[in-house]
Structures are given as C-alpha cells and as structure tokens.
Amino acid sequence: MKNLAIEIEITEDVVYFNEKMIRGWFLANSFRYPLEFRKQNGIVRYKEKEGTIKKGIKGEVVKKFGLKWFAPYPEQENIELFTPSKNPLILVPYEMIKDKYKIVSSSK
C-alpha cells in the first residue's frame, strides 16, 4: 500500500478545541502552561486557550494508525494557536478539517 501524501491548505477557520468543552479543556490544559504569553506585532499578549486552525494553514493529510490525519507544517504564522508550545508537530483528526480545505498538490 502506498503512502497517502496530499498537501492541503485550510480554506476557513476551524475550531480544533475550545476550553469550554470537556475535551477542549483537557487539550487546552495539556498543551499550554496556565500563564503563557506570545508576542504579536511587537506586543506581548496572553496566549488564548482556544485552538483555532486559521485559514491559510498548510500541511499534509497522512494515514497513521489506520486513520487519516492532518499534519500541519510547523513553521507557519498562527500555528501557535492550536499546537503545543514546545512541540508544534501534532496530528489533527481528519474529521475536524473535512470539507474545509483545498488540495495544493497530490502524490500517490
């Protein structure tokens, strides 16, 4: 079986997790320190705990563990809004981004 390798770009904002939901609260607290800050346009701000995959984020659809996943590229603007601070290499369930992306390139 050949590896699934499709490069995609997100076409609309996707809420990956929200700390108001139980699953989101767990993910938010697992990924971030309670008092974490980020620098935006030279201004230091509190880092929100709402995981939003912003429009324009690029990555690949990969198949691991028998399931399809979205693996975002680590060096992108706004990647910090939904990935852990110390490790931006994550797998997002494909169902979260289904129908919210366009294919940039495909190699099967």
Protein backbone atom coordinates (compact mmCIF):
# COMPACT_ATOMS: atom_id res chain seq x y z
CA MET A 1 0.00 0.00 0.00
CA LYS A 2 1.36 3.39 -0.99
CA ASN A 3 1.53 6.22 1.49
CA LEU A 4 -1.16 8.86 1.26
CA ALA A 5 0.56 12.19 0.62
CA ILE A 6 -1.75 15.09 -0.12
CA GLU A 7 -0.63 18.65 0.60
CA ILE A 8 -3.57 20.85 1.59
CA GLU A 9 -4.39 24.39 2.68
CA ILE A 10 -7.18 25.21 5.15
CA THR A 11 -9.82 27.43 3.49
CA GLU A 12 -11.78 28.53 6.58
CA ASP A 13 -11.11 28.82 10.31
CA VAL A 14 -11.66 25.52 12.16
CA VAL A 15 -12.15 25.36 15.93
CA TYR A 16 -9.98 22.41 16.90
CA PHE A 17 -10.70 22.67 20.62
CA ASN A 18 -12.38 25.13 22.96
CA GLU A 19 -11.72 25.05 26.70
CA LYS A 20 -15.46 25.39 27.36
CA MET A 21 -15.90 21.75 26.25
CA ILE A 22 -14.58 18.85 28.36
CA ARG A 23 -12.40 17.52 25.54
CA GLY A 24 -11.24 21.06 24.77
CA TRP A 25 -10.46 21.83 28.41
CA PHE A 26 -8.31 18.70 28.60
CA LEU A 27 -6.47 19.55 25.36
CA ALA A 28 -6.01 23.21 26.33
CA ASN A 29 -4.53 22.30 29.69
CA SER A 30 -2.40 19.52 28.25
CA PHE A 31 -0.86 21.76 25.58
CA ARG A 32 -0.28 25.03 27.40
CA TYR A 33 1.03 26.37 30.65
CA PRO A 34 -1.56 28.34 32.67
CA LEU A 35 0.19 31.68 32.21
CA GLU A 36 1.63 31.63 28.73
CA PHE A 37 2.28 34.65 26.59
CA ARG A 38 3.02 35.26 22.93
CA LYS A 39 4.44 38.19 21.01
CA GLN A 40 2.23 39.65 18.30
CA ASN A 41 3.33 42.68 16.28
CA GLY A 42 5.86 43.55 18.98
CA ILE A 43 3.25 43.41 21.77
CA VAL A 44 3.31 40.69 24.43
CA ARG A 45 -0.18 39.26 24.98
CA TYR A 46 -1.75 36.46 26.99
CA LYS A 47 -2.00 33.34 24.85
CA GLU A 48 -5.60 32.31 24.39
CA LYS A 49 -6.61 28.74 25.14
CA GLU A 50 -8.92 28.34 22.19
CA GLY A 51 -7.48 26.09 19.50
CA THR A 52 -8.37 27.57 16.14
CA ILE A 53 -6.78 26.32 12.95
CA LYS A 54 -6.65 29.54 10.93
CA LYS A 55 -7.42 29.90 7.24
CA GLY A 56 -4.22 29.53 5.20
CA ILE A 57 -2.52 26.91 7.40
CA LYS A 58 -0.83 24.29 5.21
CA GLY A 59 0.02 20.69 5.91
CA GLU A 60 -0.46 17.14 4.73
CA VAL A 61 -3.16 14.53 5.01
CA VAL A 62 -1.40 11.42 6.29
CA LYS A 63 -2.53 7.94 7.18
CA LYS A 64 -1.33 6.61 10.56
CA PHE A 65 -2.73 4.01 12.92
CA GLY A 66 -5.26 3.07 10.23
CA LEU A 67 -6.85 6.56 10.26
CA LYS A 68 -6.48 9.78 8.26
CA TRP A 69 -4.94 12.82 9.97
CA PHE A 70 -3.99 16.41 9.17
CA ALA A 71 -0.34 17.11 9.96
CA PRO A 72 0.33 20.88 9.81
CA TYR A 73 3.76 22.16 8.81
CA PRO A 74 5.50 23.51 11.96
CA GLU A 75 6.96 26.84 10.72
CA GLN A 76 3.85 28.89 9.89
CA GLU A 77 2.14 32.01 11.09
CA ASN A 78 -0.72 31.26 13.56
CA ILE A 79 0.44 27.67 14.15
CA GLU A 80 0.77 28.50 17.87
CA LEU A 81 -3.00 28.99 18.16
CA PHE A 82 -3.68 25.24 18.15
CA THR A 83 -0.42 23.40 18.77
CA PRO A 84 1.61 22.78 21.94
CA SER A 85 4.26 25.44 22.59
CA LYS A 86 7.20 23.11 22.83
CA ASN A 87 6.15 20.75 20.02
CA PRO A 88 4.12 22.02 17.05
CA LEU A 89 4.22 18.56 15.43
CA ILE A 90 0.73 17.19 16.03
CA LEU A 91 -1.89 15.13 14.23
CA VAL A 92 -5.39 16.59 13.94
CA PRO A 93 -8.22 14.14 13.23
CA TYR A 94 -9.22 14.39 9.57
CA GLU A 95 -12.89 14.74 10.53
CA MET A 96 -12.12 18.15 12.09
CA ILE A 97 -10.99 19.62 8.75
CA LYS A 98 -13.13 17.59 6.37
CA ASP A 99 -14.60 19.85 3.63
CA LYS A 100 -12.63 22.86 4.95
CA TYR A 101 -9.52 22.64 2.79
CA LYS A 102 -8.26 22.74 -0.78
CA ILE A 103 -5.69 20.41 -2.29
CA VAL A 104 -2.39 22.12 -3.12
CA SER A 105 -0.60 19.05 -4.52
CA SER A 106 -1.09 15.32 -4.52
CA SER A 107 1.32 12.43 -4.97
CA LYS A 108 0.02 8.90 -4.72
